[in-house]
Amino acid sequence: MYEEVLIAGSGGQGIIFAGRLLAKTAMEAGWHVACAVSYGPEMRDGTANSTVIISSDPIGSLVVVRPTIAIVMNEPSLVKFEPKVAPGGLLIANQSLVTTISRRTDIKACYVPATRLAKELGKSAVANVILLGTLLTLRPVVAANTISQVLSQVLHSATEELRHINQQALELGRSQGAKIAQEVS
């Protein structure tokens, strides 16, 4: 197995958290993992992206040029990274903040209203976790129960309410992924 995952958006959307959560989960599952983050000088509203390489073999480079999976949280990230997704790849876009529809026919593009769904849960900041849940349903690079356990570990010092909302977001993302999978079968 070999996947190059790009998660992109703006500061404050949990891009770095999502990348680190996916990387830690893949490590817990026994895969070789490399993770890199990049963000602009502004913490909020600046650009941010995370790349995670998950492989059954040792990883020789952190450079991700043609991601096999891209999660984009906003319109500028779609414009910048959609052309870079490898043929046969998966693009998951936050439909709440992305209005452009991919015209590429060589990738699978999915749209999830993650920010709207997160607000309905009571915490817009969990849109990133919703999209991770969607990813892990459409392309199960790690087991769903593993990410749920790692999420609990990572948020161990958070309030019970925050841990609960994040677990709900993960489940909501999984259900969105299941709907998308049914639509294309």
Protein backbone atom coordinates (compact mmCIF):
# COMPACT_ATOMS: atom_id res chain seq x y z
CA MET A 1 0.00 0.00 0.00
CA TYR A 2 1.17 3.49 -0.77
CA GLU A 3 -0.86 6.69 -0.40
CA GLU A 4 0.19 10.31 -0.50
CA VAL A 5 -2.41 12.42 1.28
CA LEU A 6 -2.62 16.21 1.05
CA ILE A 7 -4.88 18.15 3.41
CA ALA A 8 -5.15 21.84 2.55
CA GLY A 9 -7.06 24.91 3.67
CA SER A 10 -6.54 28.01 5.72
CA GLY A 11 -5.19 28.51 9.21
CA GLY A 12 -7.76 27.81 11.88
CA GLN A 13 -9.44 24.96 9.96
CA GLY A 14 -7.50 22.23 11.75
CA ILE A 15 -5.37 21.28 8.76
CA ILE A 16 -2.28 20.51 10.83
CA PHE A 17 -4.33 18.62 13.42
CA ALA A 18 -5.97 16.48 10.72
CA GLY A 19 -2.60 15.61 9.16
CA ARG A 20 -1.05 14.69 12.47
CA LEU A 21 -4.12 12.68 13.49
CA LEU A 22 -4.00 10.70 10.24
CA ALA A 23 -0.24 10.15 10.58
CA LYS A 24 -0.49 8.99 14.20
CA THR A 25 -3.34 6.67 13.30
CA ALA A 26 -1.37 5.13 10.43
CA MET A 27 1.61 4.61 12.75
CA GLU A 28 -0.65 2.91 15.31
CA ALA A 29 -1.88 0.65 12.51
CA GLY A 30 1.71 -0.38 11.78
CA TRP A 31 2.36 1.47 8.53
CA HIS A 32 5.46 3.44 7.61
CA VAL A 33 4.52 7.12 7.84
CA ALA A 34 5.98 10.49 6.95
CA CYS A 35 4.22 13.74 7.78
CA ALA A 36 5.07 17.32 6.88
CA VAL A 37 3.22 20.56 7.53
CA SER A 38 3.35 23.98 5.94
CA TYR A 39 1.57 27.17 6.88
CA GLY A 40 1.80 30.83 6.10
CA PRO A 41 2.99 33.42 8.62
CA GLU A 42 -0.56 34.10 9.80
CA MET A 43 -1.99 31.42 12.08
CA ARG A 44 -5.61 32.24 11.23
CA ASP A 45 -6.75 32.66 7.63
CA GLY A 46 -3.25 32.10 6.21
CA THR A 47 -2.64 29.09 4.00
CA ALA A 48 -1.95 25.72 5.59
CA ASN A 49 -1.40 22.21 4.36
CA SER A 50 -0.34 18.86 5.68
CA THR A 51 1.06 15.96 3.71
CA VAL A 52 1.01 12.42 5.00
CA ILE A 53 2.64 9.50 3.23
CA ILE A 54 1.43 6.07 4.31
CA SER A 55 3.29 3.05 3.00
CA SER A 56 3.85 -0.64 3.56
CA ASP A 57 7.53 -0.02 2.69
CA PRO A 58 10.05 2.44 4.13
CA ILE A 59 9.57 5.99 2.83
CA GLY A 60 12.51 7.65 1.09
CA SER A 61 11.23 11.19 0.68
CA LEU A 62 8.80 13.62 2.31
CA VAL A 63 8.06 15.32 -0.99
CA VAL A 64 4.50 14.94 -2.25
CA VAL A 65 4.13 16.18 -5.81
CA ARG A 66 1.12 14.15 -7.07
CA PRO A 67 -1.02 13.22 -4.05
CA THR A 68 -3.21 10.16 -4.45
CA ILE A 69 -5.69 11.72 -2.01
CA ALA A 70 -6.46 15.40 -1.45
CA ILE A 71 -8.77 16.91 1.13
CA VAL A 72 -9.40 20.57 0.38
CA MET A 73 -11.16 22.75 2.93
CA ASN A 74 -11.58 25.95 0.89
CA GLU A 75 -11.78 27.31 -2.67
CA PRO A 76 -8.16 28.54 -2.96
CA SER A 77 -6.93 25.08 -1.96
CA LEU A 78 -9.11 23.43 -4.60
CA VAL A 79 -7.80 25.79 -7.28
CA LYS A 80 -4.19 25.17 -6.25
CA PHE A 81 -4.19 21.41 -5.57
CA GLU A 82 -6.95 19.80 -7.67
CA PRO A 83 -4.72 19.78 -10.79
CA LYS A 84 -1.98 18.01 -8.83
CA VAL A 85 -4.04 15.00 -7.73
CA ALA A 86 -2.67 11.88 -9.38
CA PRO A 87 -4.83 10.19 -12.04
CA GLY A 88 -7.02 7.62 -10.28
CA GLY A 89 -6.80 9.72 -7.12
CA LEU A 90 -9.48 10.88 -4.72
CA LEU A 91 -10.42 14.51 -4.10
CA ILE A 92 -12.65 15.34 -1.13
CA ALA A 93 -13.81 18.95 -0.95
CA ASN A 94 -15.57 20.89 1.79
CA GLN A 95 -18.68 21.81 -0.17
CA SER A 96 -19.56 24.48 2.40
CA LEU A 97 -16.57 26.58 1.27
CA VAL A 98 -15.82 25.18 -2.20
CA THR A 99 -18.14 26.16 -5.03
CA THR A 100 -16.09 24.94 -7.99
CA ILE A 101 -16.79 21.44 -9.28
CA SER A 102 -13.83 19.48 -10.60
CA ARG A 103 -14.00 18.85 -14.33
CA ARG A 104 -11.39 16.12 -14.19
CA THR A 105 -12.62 12.73 -15.31
CA ASP A 106 -9.50 10.85 -14.23
CA ILE A 107 -10.09 11.31 -10.48
CA LYS A 108 -12.97 10.69 -8.11
CA ALA A 109 -14.19 14.03 -6.74
CA CYS A 110 -16.54 14.11 -3.74
CA TYR A 111 -18.18 17.04 -2.02
CA VAL A 112 -19.21 17.07 1.63
CA PRO A 113 -20.78 20.10 3.35
CA ALA A 114 -18.37 19.64 6.24
CA THR A 115 -18.49 23.13 7.75
CA ARG A 116 -22.29 23.18 7.71
CA LEU A 117 -22.44 19.71 9.29
CA ALA A 118 -19.86 20.69 11.90
CA LYS A 119 -21.88 23.78 12.83
CA GLU A 120 -24.94 21.56 13.24
CA LEU A 121 -22.92 19.49 15.71
CA GLY A 122 -22.18 22.73 17.56
CA LYS A 123 -18.50 23.17 16.69
CA SER A 124 -17.44 24.36 13.23
CA ALA A 125 -13.84 23.44 14.03
CA VAL A 126 -14.58 19.71 13.57
CA ALA A 127 -15.16 19.97 9.80
CA ASN A 128 -11.66 18.54 9.37
CA VAL A 129 -12.59 15.42 11.35
CA ILE A 130 -15.76 15.00 9.28
CA LEU A 131 -13.66 14.96 6.11
CA LEU A 132 -11.22 12.45 7.63
CA GLY A 133 -14.16 10.18 8.43
CA THR A 134 -15.32 10.52 4.83
CA LEU A 135 -11.85 9.67 3.55
CA LEU A 136 -11.55 6.57 5.72
CA THR A 137 -14.87 5.26 4.44
CA LEU A 138 -14.10 5.89 0.78
CA ARG A 139 -10.48 4.75 1.01
CA PRO A 140 -9.86 2.88 4.27
CA VAL A 141 -6.13 3.48 4.58
CA VAL A 142 -6.53 2.84 8.33
CA ALA A 143 -9.29 1.09 10.26
CA ALA A 144 -12.14 3.24 11.53
CA ASN A 145 -11.82 1.92 15.08
CA THR A 146 -8.09 2.79 15.08
CA ILE A 147 -8.67 6.47 14.27
CA SER A 148 -11.43 6.60 16.87
CA GLN A 149 -9.01 5.27 19.53
CA VAL A 150 -6.22 7.63 18.46
CA LEU A 151 -8.63 10.58 18.46
CA SER A 152 -9.51 9.75 22.08
CA GLN A 153 -5.79 9.56 22.98
CA VAL A 154 -4.95 12.83 21.25
CA LEU A 155 -7.83 14.64 22.94
CA HIS A 156 -7.31 13.01 26.35
CA SER A 157 -6.89 16.36 28.11
CA ALA A 158 -9.80 18.03 26.28
CA THR A 159 -13.23 18.39 27.82
CA GLU A 160 -15.61 15.46 27.59
CA GLU A 161 -17.85 17.59 25.37
CA LEU A 162 -15.04 18.24 22.88
CA ARG A 163 -14.05 14.56 22.78
CA HIS A 164 -17.70 13.63 22.20
CA ILE A 165 -18.21 16.17 19.39
CA ASN A 166 -15.04 14.96 17.63
CA GLN A 167 -16.22 11.35 17.81
CA GLN A 168 -19.61 12.45 16.44
CA ALA A 169 -17.83 14.31 13.63
CA LEU A 170 -15.86 11.19 12.75
CA GLU A 171 -19.07 9.13 12.61
CA LEU A 172 -20.84 11.81 10.58
CA GLY A 173 -17.95 11.78 8.10
CA ARG A 174 -18.17 8.01 7.82
CA SER A 175 -21.89 8.25 7.06
CA GLN A 176 -21.19 10.89 4.40
CA GLY A 177 -18.60 8.56 2.87
CA ALA A 178 -21.08 5.68 2.89
CA LYS A 179 -23.67 7.85 1.07
CA ILE A 180 -21.11 8.83 -1.56
CA ALA A 181 -20.05 5.21 -2.02
CA GLN A 182 -23.69 4.17 -2.54
CA GLU A 183 -24.25 6.93 -5.11
CA VAL A 184 -21.40 5.71 -7.31
CA SER A 185 -22.17 1.98 -7.07
